PDB file of all heavy atoms in Angstrom:
ATOM      1  N   ARG A   1       0.849  -1.183   0.000  1.00  0.00           N
ATOM      2  CA  ARG A   1       0.000   0.000   0.000  1.00  0.00           C
ATOM      3  C   ARG A   1       0.893   1.245   0.000  1.00  0.00           C
ATOM      4  O   ARG A   1       2.020   1.211   0.503  1.00  0.00           O
ATOM      5  CB  ARG A   1      -0.895   0.059   1.247  1.00  0.00           C
ATOM      6  CG  ARG A   1      -1.773  -1.148   1.475  1.00  0.00           C
ATOM      7  CD  ARG A   1      -2.975  -1.176   0.550  1.00  0.00           C
ATOM      8  NE  ARG A   1      -3.875  -2.258   0.914  1.00  0.00           N
ATOM      9  CZ  ARG A   1      -3.790  -3.502   0.423  1.00  0.00           C
ATOM     10  NH1 ARG A   1      -2.847  -3.806  -0.454  1.00  0.00           N
ATOM     11  NH2 ARG A   1      -4.646  -4.433   0.811  1.00  0.00           N
ATOM     12  N   THR A   2       0.355   2.349  -0.508  1.00  0.00           N
ATOM     13  CA  THR A   2       1.015   3.640  -0.381  1.00  0.00           C
ATOM     14  C   THR A   2       0.182   4.517   0.541  1.00  0.00           C
ATOM     15  O   THR A   2      -1.038   4.626   0.363  1.00  0.00           O
ATOM     16  CB  THR A   2       1.195   4.315  -1.746  1.00  0.00           C
ATOM     17  OG1 THR A   2       1.972   3.462  -2.594  1.00  0.00           O
ATOM     18  CG2 THR A   2       1.918   5.655  -1.595  1.00  0.00           C
ATOM     19  N   TYR A   3       0.862   5.121   1.538  1.00  0.00           N
ATOM     20  CA  TYR A   3       0.188   5.874   2.597  1.00  0.00           C
ATOM     21  C   TYR A   3       0.586   7.349   2.567  1.00  0.00           C
ATOM     22  O   TYR A   3       1.736   7.684   2.271  1.00  0.00           O
ATOM     23  CB  TYR A   3       0.585   5.316   3.973  1.00  0.00           C
ATOM     24  CG  TYR A   3       0.293   3.856   4.163  1.00  0.00           C
ATOM     25  CD1 TYR A   3       1.273   2.899   3.907  1.00  0.00           C
ATOM     26  CD2 TYR A   3      -0.947   3.420   4.616  1.00  0.00           C
ATOM     27  CE1 TYR A   3       1.020   1.547   4.088  1.00  0.00           C
ATOM     28  CE2 TYR A   3      -1.210   2.059   4.804  1.00  0.00           C
ATOM     29  CZ  TYR A   3      -0.222   1.134   4.531  1.00  0.00           C
ATOM     30  OH  TYR A   3      -0.482  -0.198   4.716  1.00  0.00           O
ATOM     31  N   PRO A   4      -0.358   8.225   2.931  1.00  0.00           N
ATOM     32  CA  PRO A   4       0.001   9.628   3.145  1.00  0.00           C
ATOM     33  C   PRO A   4       0.694   9.783   4.494  1.00  0.00           C
ATOM     34  O   PRO A   4       0.384   9.064   5.448  1.00  0.00           O
ATOM     35  CB  PRO A   4      -1.355  10.335   3.143  1.00  0.00           C
ATOM     36  CG  PRO A   4      -2.308   9.300   3.673  1.00  0.00           C
ATOM     37  CD  PRO A   4      -1.794   7.973   3.157  1.00  0.00           C
ATOM     38  N   VAL A   5       1.631  10.693   4.564  1.00  0.00           N
ATOM     39  CA  VAL A   5       2.265  11.026   5.843  1.00  0.00           C
ATOM     40  C   VAL A   5       1.741  12.399   6.250  1.00  0.00           C
ATOM     41  O   VAL A   5       2.122  13.419   5.681  1.00  0.00           O
ATOM     42  CB  VAL A   5       3.801  11.044   5.738  1.00  0.00           C
ATOM     43  CG1 VAL A   5       4.420  11.354   7.105  1.00  0.00           C
ATOM     44  CG2 VAL A   5       4.322   9.712   5.209  1.00  0.00           C
ATOM     45  N   GLY A   6       0.809  12.400   7.198  1.00  0.00           N
ATOM     46  CA  GLY A   6       0.158  13.652   7.570  1.00  0.00           C
ATOM     47  C   GLY A   6      -0.677  14.193   6.420  1.00  0.00           C
ATOM     48  O   GLY A   6      -1.256  13.441   5.631  1.00  0.00           O
ATOM     49  N   LYS A   7      -0.714  15.497   6.302  1.00  0.00           N
ATOM     50  CA  LYS A   7      -1.460  16.147   5.232  1.00  0.00           C
ATOM     51  C   LYS A   7      -0.607  16.193   3.973  1.00  0.00           C
ATOM     52  O   LYS A   7       0.523  16.662   4.001  1.00  0.00           O
ATOM     53  CB  LYS A   7      -1.859  17.568   5.657  1.00  0.00           C
ATOM     54  CG  LYS A   7      -2.755  18.278   4.651  1.00  0.00           C
ATOM     55  CD  LYS A   7      -3.175  19.639   5.156  1.00  0.00           C
ATOM     56  CE  LYS A   7      -4.088  20.345   4.152  1.00  0.00           C
ATOM     57  NZ  LYS A   7      -4.521  21.694   4.634  1.00  0.00           N
ATOM     58  N   ILE A   8      -1.165  15.725   2.875  1.00  0.00           N
ATOM     59  CA  ILE A   8      -0.413  15.695   1.618  1.00  0.00           C
ATOM     60  C   ILE A   8      -1.129  16.531   0.564  1.00  0.00           C
ATOM     61  O   ILE A   8      -2.286  16.916   0.724  1.00  0.00           O
ATOM     62  CB  ILE A   8      -0.216  14.252   1.112  1.00  0.00           C
ATOM     63  CG1 ILE A   8      -1.566  13.588   0.797  1.00  0.00           C
ATOM     64  CG2 ILE A   8       0.569  13.424   2.136  1.00  0.00           C
ATOM     65  CD1 ILE A   8      -1.440  12.219   0.134  1.00  0.00           C
ATOM     66  N   SER A   9      -0.436  16.791  -0.535  1.00  0.00           N
ATOM     67  CA  SER A   9      -0.998  17.596  -1.615  1.00  0.00           C
ATOM     68  C   SER A   9      -2.081  16.822  -2.360  1.00  0.00           C
ATOM     69  O   SER A   9      -2.152  15.585  -2.296  1.00  0.00           O
ATOM     70  CB  SER A   9       0.109  17.988  -2.601  1.00  0.00           C
ATOM     71  OG  SER A   9       0.585  16.838  -3.290  1.00  0.00           O
ATOM     72  N   LYS A  10      -2.907  17.569  -3.085  1.00  0.00           N
ATOM     73  CA  LYS A  10      -3.939  16.934  -3.909  1.00  0.00           C
ATOM     74  C   LYS A  10      -3.304  16.024  -4.963  1.00  0.00           C
ATOM     75  O   LYS A  10      -3.827  14.955  -5.292  1.00  0.00           O
ATOM     76  CB  LYS A  10      -4.804  17.993  -4.591  1.00  0.00           C
ATOM     77  CG  LYS A  10      -5.706  18.764  -3.634  1.00  0.00           C
ATOM     78  CD  LYS A  10      -6.541  19.788  -4.385  1.00  0.00           C
ATOM     79  CE  LYS A  10      -7.449  20.559  -3.431  1.00  0.00           C
ATOM     80  NZ  LYS A  10      -8.259  21.579  -4.150  1.00  0.00           N
ATOM     81  N   GLU A  11      -2.158  16.456  -5.489  1.00  0.00           N
ATOM     82  CA  GLU A  11      -1.473  15.669  -6.510  1.00  0.00           C
ATOM     83  C   GLU A  11      -0.981  14.344  -5.933  1.00  0.00           C
ATOM     84  O   GLU A  11      -1.081  13.291  -6.575  1.00  0.00           O
ATOM     85  CB  GLU A  11      -0.306  16.465  -7.088  1.00  0.00           C
ATOM     86  CG  GLU A  11      -0.703  17.674  -7.899  1.00  0.00           C
ATOM     87  CD  GLU A  11      -1.100  18.890  -7.047  1.00  0.00           C
ATOM     88  OE1 GLU A  11      -0.865  18.867  -5.821  1.00  0.00           O
ATOM     89  OE2 GLU A  11      -1.653  19.846  -7.626  1.00  0.00           O
ATOM     90  N   ALA A  12      -0.447  14.400  -4.714  1.00  0.00           N
ATOM     91  CA  ALA A  12       0.034  13.177  -4.074  1.00  0.00           C
ATOM     92  C   ALA A  12      -1.125  12.236  -3.764  1.00  0.00           C
ATOM     93  O   ALA A  12      -1.015  11.021  -3.947  1.00  0.00           O
ATOM     94  CB  ALA A  12       0.807  13.519  -2.806  1.00  0.00           C
ATOM     95  N   GLN A  13      -2.234  12.795  -3.300  1.00  0.00           N
ATOM     96  CA  GLN A  13      -3.397  11.955  -3.017  1.00  0.00           C
ATOM     97  C   GLN A  13      -3.937  11.323  -4.296  1.00  0.00           C
ATOM     98  O   GLN A  13      -4.364  10.156  -4.295  1.00  0.00           O
ATOM     99  CB  GLN A  13      -4.498  12.766  -2.333  1.00  0.00           C
ATOM    100  CG  GLN A  13      -5.674  11.921  -1.852  1.00  0.00           C
ATOM    101  CD  GLN A  13      -5.262  10.900  -0.817  1.00  0.00           C
ATOM    102  OE1 GLN A  13      -4.717  11.251   0.224  1.00  0.00           O
ATOM    103  NE2 GLN A  13      -5.529   9.620  -1.082  1.00  0.00           N
ATOM    104  N   LYS A  14      -3.882  12.075  -5.388  1.00  0.00           N
ATOM    105  CA  LYS A  14      -4.403  11.543  -6.641  1.00  0.00           C
ATOM    106  C   LYS A  14      -3.601  10.334  -7.108  1.00  0.00           C
ATOM    107  O   LYS A  14      -4.178   9.329  -7.552  1.00  0.00           O
ATOM    108  CB  LYS A  14      -4.409  12.613  -7.731  1.00  0.00           C
ATOM    109  CG  LYS A  14      -5.001  12.109  -9.045  1.00  0.00           C
ATOM    110  CD  LYS A  14      -5.045  13.180 -10.125  1.00  0.00           C
ATOM    111  CE  LYS A  14      -5.616  12.606 -11.419  1.00  0.00           C
ATOM    112  NZ  LYS A  14      -5.638  13.604 -12.527  1.00  0.00           N
ATOM    113  N   ILE A  15      -2.279  10.385  -7.007  1.00  0.00           N
ATOM    114  CA  ILE A  15      -1.492   9.246  -7.495  1.00  0.00           C
ATOM    115  C   ILE A  15      -1.739   8.011  -6.631  1.00  0.00           C
ATOM    116  O   ILE A  15      -1.789   6.889  -7.129  1.00  0.00           O
ATOM    117  CB  ILE A  15       0.010   9.581  -7.601  1.00  0.00           C
ATOM    118  CG1 ILE A  15       0.725   8.524  -8.439  1.00  0.00           C
ATOM    119  CG2 ILE A  15       0.669   9.721  -6.245  1.00  0.00           C
ATOM    120  CD1 ILE A  15       2.172   8.855  -8.760  1.00  0.00           C
ATOM    121  N   ILE A  16      -1.944   8.205  -5.320  1.00  0.00           N
ATOM    122  CA  ILE A  16      -2.298   7.078  -4.447  1.00  0.00           C
ATOM    123  C   ILE A  16      -3.634   6.482  -4.885  1.00  0.00           C
ATOM    124  O   ILE A  16      -3.777   5.258  -5.026  1.00  0.00           O
ATOM    125  CB  ILE A  16      -2.373   7.527  -2.978  1.00  0.00           C
ATOM    126  CG1 ILE A  16      -0.974   7.895  -2.457  1.00  0.00           C
ATOM    127  CG2 ILE A  16      -2.985   6.438  -2.107  1.00  0.00           C
ATOM    128  CD1 ILE A  16      -0.987   8.487  -1.049  1.00  0.00           C
ATOM    129  N   ASP A  17      -4.617   7.343  -5.099  1.00  0.00           N
ATOM    130  CA  ASP A  17      -5.961   6.879  -5.455  1.00  0.00           C
ATOM    131  C   ASP A  17      -5.979   6.175  -6.807  1.00  0.00           C
ATOM    132  O   ASP A  17      -6.603   5.113  -6.968  1.00  0.00           O
ATOM    133  CB  ASP A  17      -6.935   8.055  -5.469  1.00  0.00           C
ATOM    134  CG  ASP A  17      -7.168   8.658  -4.090  1.00  0.00           C
ATOM    135  OD1 ASP A  17      -6.860   7.986  -3.090  1.00  0.00           O
ATOM    136  OD2 ASP A  17      -7.658   9.801  -4.028  1.00  0.00           O
ATOM    137  N   VAL A  18      -5.296   6.762  -7.788  1.00  0.00           N
ATOM    138  CA  VAL A  18      -5.321   6.186  -9.133  1.00  0.00           C
ATOM    139  C   VAL A  18      -4.579   4.857  -9.168  1.00  0.00           C
ATOM    140  O   VAL A  18      -4.987   3.931  -9.883  1.00  0.00           O
ATOM    141  CB  VAL A  18      -4.746   7.179 -10.158  1.00  0.00           C
ATOM    142  CG1 VAL A  18      -4.547   6.507 -11.521  1.00  0.00           C
ATOM    143  CG2 VAL A  18      -5.662   8.387 -10.297  1.00  0.00           C
ATOM    144  N   CYS A  19      -3.518   4.723  -8.392  1.00  0.00           N
ATOM    145  CA  CYS A  19      -2.808   3.449  -8.350  1.00  0.00           C
ATOM    146  C   CYS A  19      -3.736   2.343  -7.842  1.00  0.00           C
ATOM    147  O   CYS A  19      -3.807   1.251  -8.416  1.00  0.00           O
ATOM    148  CB  CYS A  19      -1.565   3.572  -7.468  1.00  0.00           C
ATOM    149  SG  CYS A  19      -0.425   2.188  -7.637  1.00  0.00           S
ATOM    150  N   ARG A  20      -4.469   2.654  -6.772  1.00  0.00           N
ATOM    151  CA  ARG A  20      -5.424   1.679  -6.236  1.00  0.00           C
ATOM    152  C   ARG A  20      -6.526   1.385  -7.263  1.00  0.00           C
ATOM    153  O   ARG A  20      -6.897   0.222  -7.483  1.00  0.00           O
ATOM    154  CB  ARG A  20      -6.038   2.212  -4.942  1.00  0.00           C
ATOM    155  CG  ARG A  20      -7.020   1.262  -4.274  1.00  0.00           C
ATOM    156  CD  ARG A  20      -7.563   1.860  -2.975  1.00  0.00           C
ATOM    157  NE  ARG A  20      -8.422   0.916  -2.264  1.00  0.00           N
ATOM    158  CZ  ARG A  20      -9.702   0.712  -2.524  1.00  0.00           C
ATOM    159  NH1 ARG A  20     -10.290   1.401  -3.505  1.00  0.00           N
ATOM    160  NH2 ARG A  20     -10.408  -0.161  -1.826  1.00  0.00           N
ATOM    161  N   GLU A  21      -7.037   2.416  -7.903  1.00  0.00           N
ATOM    162  CA  GLU A  21      -8.095   2.221  -8.904  1.00  0.00           C
ATOM    163  C   GLU A  21      -7.595   1.393 -10.083  1.00  0.00           C
ATOM    164  O   GLU A  21      -8.354   0.617 -10.675  1.00  0.00           O
ATOM    165  CB  GLU A  21      -8.598   3.587  -9.368  1.00  0.00           C
ATOM    166  CG  GLU A  21      -9.379   4.345  -8.293  1.00  0.00           C
ATOM    167  CD  GLU A  21      -9.504   5.834  -8.594  1.00  0.00           C
ATOM    168  OE1 GLU A  21      -9.103   6.260  -9.700  1.00  0.00           O
ATOM    169  OE2 GLU A  21      -9.983   6.571  -7.701  1.00  0.00           O
ATOM    170  N   SER A  22      -6.318   1.555 -10.432  1.00  0.00           N
ATOM    171  CA  SER A  22      -5.742   0.782 -11.529  1.00  0.00           C
ATOM    172  C   SER A  22      -5.717  -0.706 -11.193  1.00  0.00           C
ATOM    173  O   SER A  22      -5.955  -1.559 -12.056  1.00  0.00           O
ATOM    174  CB  SER A  22      -4.320   1.279 -11.833  1.00  0.00           C
ATOM    175  OG  SER A  22      -4.338   2.626 -12.272  1.00  0.00           O
ATOM    176  N   PHE A  23      -5.420  -1.019  -9.935  1.00  0.00           N
ATOM    177  CA  PHE A  23      -5.474  -2.409  -9.497  1.00  0.00           C
ATOM    178  C   PHE A  23      -6.876  -2.980  -9.716  1.00  0.00           C
ATOM    179  O   PHE A  23      -7.037  -4.080 -10.271  1.00  0.00           O
ATOM    180  CB  PHE A  23      -5.085  -2.523  -8.019  1.00  0.00           C
ATOM    181  CG  PHE A  23      -5.406  -3.852  -7.412  1.00  0.00           C
ATOM    182  CD1 PHE A  23      -4.523  -4.909  -7.527  1.00  0.00           C
ATOM    183  CD2 PHE A  23      -6.609  -4.054  -6.743  1.00  0.00           C
ATOM    184  CE1 PHE A  23      -4.833  -6.156  -6.991  1.00  0.00           C
ATOM    185  CE2 PHE A  23      -6.920  -5.296  -6.198  1.00  0.00           C
ATOM    186  CZ  PHE A  23      -6.026  -6.348  -6.329  1.00  0.00           C
ATOM    187  N   PHE A  24      -7.878  -2.255  -9.271  1.00  0.00           N
ATOM    188  CA  PHE A  24      -9.241  -2.773  -9.383  1.00  0.00           C
ATOM    189  C   PHE A  24      -9.708  -2.839 -10.830  1.00  0.00           C
ATOM    190  O   PHE A  24     -10.492  -3.727 -11.199  1.00  0.00           O
ATOM    191  CB  PHE A  24     -10.189  -1.971  -8.502  1.00  0.00           C
ATOM    192  CG  PHE A  24     -10.076  -2.337  -7.052  1.00  0.00           C
ATOM    193  CD1 PHE A  24      -9.333  -1.558  -6.179  1.00  0.00           C
ATOM    194  CD2 PHE A  24     -10.656  -3.493  -6.575  1.00  0.00           C
ATOM    195  CE1 PHE A  24      -9.194  -1.919  -4.849  1.00  0.00           C
ATOM    196  CE2 PHE A  24     -10.525  -3.865  -5.245  1.00  0.00           C
ATOM    197  CZ  PHE A  24      -9.788  -3.073  -4.377  1.00  0.00           C
ATOM    198  N   ALA A  25      -9.206  -1.940 -11.674  1.00  0.00           N
ATOM    199  CA  ALA A  25      -9.493  -2.055 -13.107  1.00  0.00           C
ATOM    200  C   ALA A  25      -8.890  -3.343 -13.655  1.00  0.00           C
ATOM    201  O   ALA A  25      -9.521  -4.051 -14.459  1.00  0.00           O
ATOM    202  CB  ALA A  25      -8.937  -0.847 -13.848  1.00  0.00           C
ATOM    203  N   GLY A  26      -7.690  -3.663 -13.186  1.00  0.00           N
ATOM    204  CA  GLY A  26      -7.031  -4.886 -13.637  1.00  0.00           C
ATOM    205  C   GLY A  26      -7.773  -6.136 -13.235  1.00  0.00           C
ATOM    206  O   GLY A  26      -7.982  -7.040 -14.064  1.00  0.00           O
ATOM    207  N   ILE A  27      -8.202  -6.210 -11.973  1.00  0.00           N
ATOM    208  CA  ILE A  27      -8.799  -7.470 -11.534  1.00  0.00           C
ATOM    209  C   ILE A  27     -10.232  -7.655 -12.040  1.00  0.00           C
ATOM    210  O   ILE A  27     -10.793  -8.739 -11.876  1.00  0.00           O
ATOM    211  CB  ILE A  27      -8.731  -7.663 -10.011  1.00  0.00           C
ATOM    212  CG1 ILE A  27      -9.612  -6.663  -9.259  1.00  0.00           C
ATOM    213  CG2 ILE A  27      -7.312  -7.658  -9.524  1.00  0.00           C
ATOM    214  CD1 ILE A  27      -9.903  -7.152  -7.858  1.00  0.00           C
ATOM    215  N   GLU A  28     -10.801  -6.661 -12.669  1.00  0.00           N
ATOM    216  CA  GLU A  28     -12.052  -6.902 -13.383  1.00  0.00           C
ATOM    217  C   GLU A  28     -11.849  -7.964 -14.461  1.00  0.00           C
ATOM    218  O   GLU A  28     -12.797  -8.616 -14.901  1.00  0.00           O
ATOM    219  CB  GLU A  28     -12.563  -5.605 -14.022  1.00  0.00           C
ATOM    220  CG  GLU A  28     -13.209  -4.648 -13.047  1.00  0.00           C
ATOM    221  CD  GLU A  28     -14.466  -5.234 -12.427  1.00  0.00           C
ATOM    222  OE1 GLU A  28     -15.303  -5.790 -13.167  1.00  0.00           O
ATOM    223  OE2 GLU A  28     -14.606  -5.152 -11.187  1.00  0.00           O
ATOM    224  N   ASN A  29     -10.585  -8.117 -14.864  1.00  0.00           N
ATOM    225  CA  ASN A  29     -10.244  -9.103 -15.902  1.00  0.00           C
ATOM    226  C   ASN A  29      -9.568 -10.349 -15.330  1.00  0.00           C
ATOM    227  O   ASN A  29      -9.091 -11.191 -16.085  1.00  0.00           O
ATOM    228  CB  ASN A  29      -9.332  -8.451 -16.937  1.00  0.00           C
ATOM    229  CG  ASN A  29     -10.029  -7.352 -17.698  1.00  0.00           C
ATOM    230  OD1 ASN A  29     -10.741  -7.616 -18.660  1.00  0.00           O
ATOM    231  ND2 ASN A  29      -9.848  -6.109 -17.264  1.00  0.00           N
ATOM    232  N   ALA A  30      -9.516 -10.470 -14.017  1.00  0.00           N
ATOM    233  CA  ALA A  30      -8.886 -11.629 -13.377  1.00  0.00           C
ATOM    234  C   ALA A  30      -9.923 -12.739 -13.221  1.00  0.00           C
ATOM    235  O   ALA A  30     -10.295 -13.126 -12.111  1.00  0.00           O
ATOM    236  CB  ALA A  30      -8.285 -11.227 -12.035  1.00  0.00           C
ATOM    237  N   ARG A  31     -10.384 -13.231 -14.346  1.00  0.00           N
ATOM    238  CA  ARG A  31     -11.483 -14.196 -14.367  1.00  0.00           C
ATOM    239  C   ARG A  31     -11.162 -15.337 -15.326  1.00  0.00           C
ATOM    240  O   ARG A  31     -10.431 -15.162 -16.311  1.00  0.00           O
ATOM    241  CB  ARG A  31     -12.786 -13.510 -14.803  1.00  0.00           C
ATOM    242  CG  ARG A  31     -13.208 -12.383 -13.859  1.00  0.00           C
ATOM    243  CD  ARG A  31     -14.424 -11.634 -14.363  1.00  0.00           C
ATOM    244  NE  ARG A  31     -14.727 -10.494 -13.500  1.00  0.00           N
ATOM    245  CZ  ARG A  31     -15.416 -10.587 -12.370  1.00  0.00           C
ATOM    246  NH1 ARG A  31     -15.909 -11.750 -11.988  1.00  0.00           N
ATOM    247  NH2 ARG A  31     -15.639  -9.511 -11.643  1.00  0.00           N
ATOM    248  N   VAL A  32     -11.721 -16.478 -15.014  1.00  0.00           N
ATOM    249  CA  VAL A  32     -11.507 -17.664 -15.833  1.00  0.00           C
ATOM    250  C   VAL A  32     -11.863 -17.369 -17.289  1.00  0.00           C
ATOM    251  O   VAL A  32     -12.902 -16.769 -17.576  1.00  0.00           O
ATOM    252  CB  VAL A  32     -12.349 -18.837 -15.295  1.00  0.00           C
ATOM    253  CG1 VAL A  32     -12.330 -20.012 -16.267  1.00  0.00           C
ATOM    254  CG2 VAL A  32     -11.831 -19.273 -13.927  1.00  0.00           C
ATOM    255  N   GLY A  33     -10.974 -17.784 -18.186  1.00  0.00           N
ATOM    256  CA  GLY A  33     -11.191 -17.589 -19.609  1.00  0.00           C
ATOM    257  C   GLY A  33     -10.527 -16.355 -20.173  1.00  0.00           C
ATOM    258  O   GLY A  33     -10.251 -16.289 -21.373  1.00  0.00           O
ATOM    259  N   LYS A  34     -10.285 -15.364 -19.312  1.00  0.00           N
ATOM    260  CA  LYS A  34      -9.534 -14.190 -19.751  1.00  0.00           C
ATOM    261  C   LYS A  34      -8.066 -14.568 -19.920  1.00  0.00           C
ATOM    262  O   LYS A  34      -7.602 -15.589 -19.396  1.00  0.00           O
ATOM    263  CB  LYS A  34      -9.651 -13.070 -18.715  1.00  0.00           C
ATOM    264  CG  LYS A  34     -11.024 -12.444 -18.628  1.00  0.00           C
ATOM    265  CD  LYS A  34     -11.240 -11.439 -19.754  1.00  0.00           C
ATOM    266  CE  LYS A  34     -12.453 -10.574 -19.536  1.00  0.00           C
ATOM    267  NZ  LYS A  34     -12.602  -9.541 -20.581  1.00  0.00           N
ATOM    268  N   ARG A  35      -7.342 -13.728 -20.643  1.00  0.00           N
ATOM    269  CA  ARG A  35      -5.902 -13.930 -20.774  1.00  0.00           C
ATOM    270  C   ARG A  35      -5.152 -12.994 -19.819  1.00  0.00           C
ATOM    271  O   ARG A  35      -5.672 -11.948 -19.414  1.00  0.00           O
ATOM    272  CB  ARG A  35      -5.439 -13.720 -22.214  1.00  0.00           C
ATOM    273  CG  ARG A  35      -5.946 -14.812 -23.154  1.00  0.00           C
ATOM    274  CD  ARG A  35      -5.241 -14.775 -24.478  1.00  0.00           C
ATOM    275  NE  ARG A  35      -5.716 -15.820 -25.381  1.00  0.00           N
ATOM    276  CZ  ARG A  35      -5.224 -17.057 -25.425  1.00  0.00           C
ATOM    277  NH1 ARG A  35      -4.240 -17.402 -24.602  1.00  0.00           N
ATOM    278  NH2 ARG A  35      -5.697 -17.932 -26.285  1.00  0.00           N
ATOM    279  N   LEU A  36      -3.933 -13.406 -19.485  1.00  0.00           N
ATOM    280  CA  LEU A  36      -3.161 -12.665 -18.493  1.00  0.00           C
ATOM    281  C   LEU A  36      -3.004 -11.196 -18.863  1.00  0.00           C
ATOM    282  O   LEU A  36      -3.134 -10.304 -18.019  1.00  0.00           O
ATOM    283  CB  LEU A  36      -1.786 -13.314 -18.318  1.00  0.00           C
ATOM    284  CG  LEU A  36      -0.938 -12.794 -17.163  1.00  0.00           C
ATOM    285  CD1 LEU A  36      -1.539 -13.216 -15.828  1.00  0.00           C
ATOM    286  CD2 LEU A  36       0.490 -13.315 -17.280  1.00  0.00           C
ATOM    287  N   SER A  37      -2.739 -10.917 -20.131  1.00  0.00           N
ATOM    288  CA  SER A  37      -2.496  -9.535 -20.523  1.00  0.00           C
ATOM    289  C   SER A  37      -3.755  -8.677 -20.491  1.00  0.00           C
ATOM    290  O   SER A  37      -3.667  -7.446 -20.585  1.00  0.00           O
ATOM    291  CB  SER A  37      -1.857  -9.464 -21.917  1.00  0.00           C
ATOM    292  OG  SER A  37      -2.802  -9.776 -22.917  1.00  0.00           O
ATOM    293  N   ASP A  38      -4.925  -9.296 -20.341  1.00  0.00           N
ATOM    294  CA  ASP A  38      -6.138  -8.492 -20.162  1.00  0.00           C
ATOM    295  C   ASP A  38      -6.056  -7.709 -18.855  1.00  0.00           C
ATOM    296  O   ASP A  38      -6.532  -6.564 -18.776  1.00  0.00           O
ATOM    297  CB  ASP A  38      -7.376  -9.388 -20.155  1.00  0.00           C
ATOM    298  CG  ASP A  38      -7.621 -10.082 -21.494  1.00  0.00           C
ATOM    299  OD1 ASP A  38      -7.168  -9.539 -22.525  1.00  0.00           O
ATOM    300  OD2 ASP A  38      -8.244 -11.149 -21.494  1.00  0.00           O
ATOM    301  N   ILE A  39      -5.462  -8.311 -17.823  1.00  0.00           N
ATOM    302  CA  ILE A  39      -5.229  -7.599 -16.558  1.00  0.00           C
ATOM    303  C   ILE A  39      -4.264  -6.441 -16.788  1.00  0.00           C
ATOM    304  O   ILE A  39      -4.516  -5.297 -16.401  1.00  0.00           O
ATOM    305  CB  ILE A  39      -4.660  -8.563 -15.497  1.00  0.00           C
ATOM    306  CG1 ILE A  39      -5.639  -9.694 -15.196  1.00  0.00           C
ATOM    307  CG2 ILE A  39      -4.297  -7.797 -14.219  1.00  0.00           C
ATOM    308  CD1 ILE A  39      -5.067 -10.779 -14.305  1.00  0.00           C
ATOM    309  N   SER A  40      -3.148  -6.762 -17.436  1.00  0.00           N
ATOM    310  CA  SER A  40      -2.105  -5.765 -17.675  1.00  0.00           C
ATOM    311  C   SER A  40      -2.635  -4.563 -18.450  1.00  0.00           C
ATOM    312  O   SER A  40      -2.368  -3.397 -18.105  1.00  0.00           O
ATOM    313  CB  SER A  40      -0.955  -6.405 -18.464  1.00  0.00           C
ATOM    314  OG  SER A  40      -0.501  -7.589 -17.859  1.00  0.00           O
TER     315      SER A  40
END
C-alpha cells in the first residue's frame, strides 16, 4: 500500500488513489477464460 504522511498535496493523493483504482481495473479481468495480458 502507499500511505500519506500527515497532510499531503492533492497531486500526491491523486497518485495514491489512481494506483489503487488501476489495481481494481485490472482485476475486473482476473477471471476464468480471460488472458493474463487483459489484466495488464
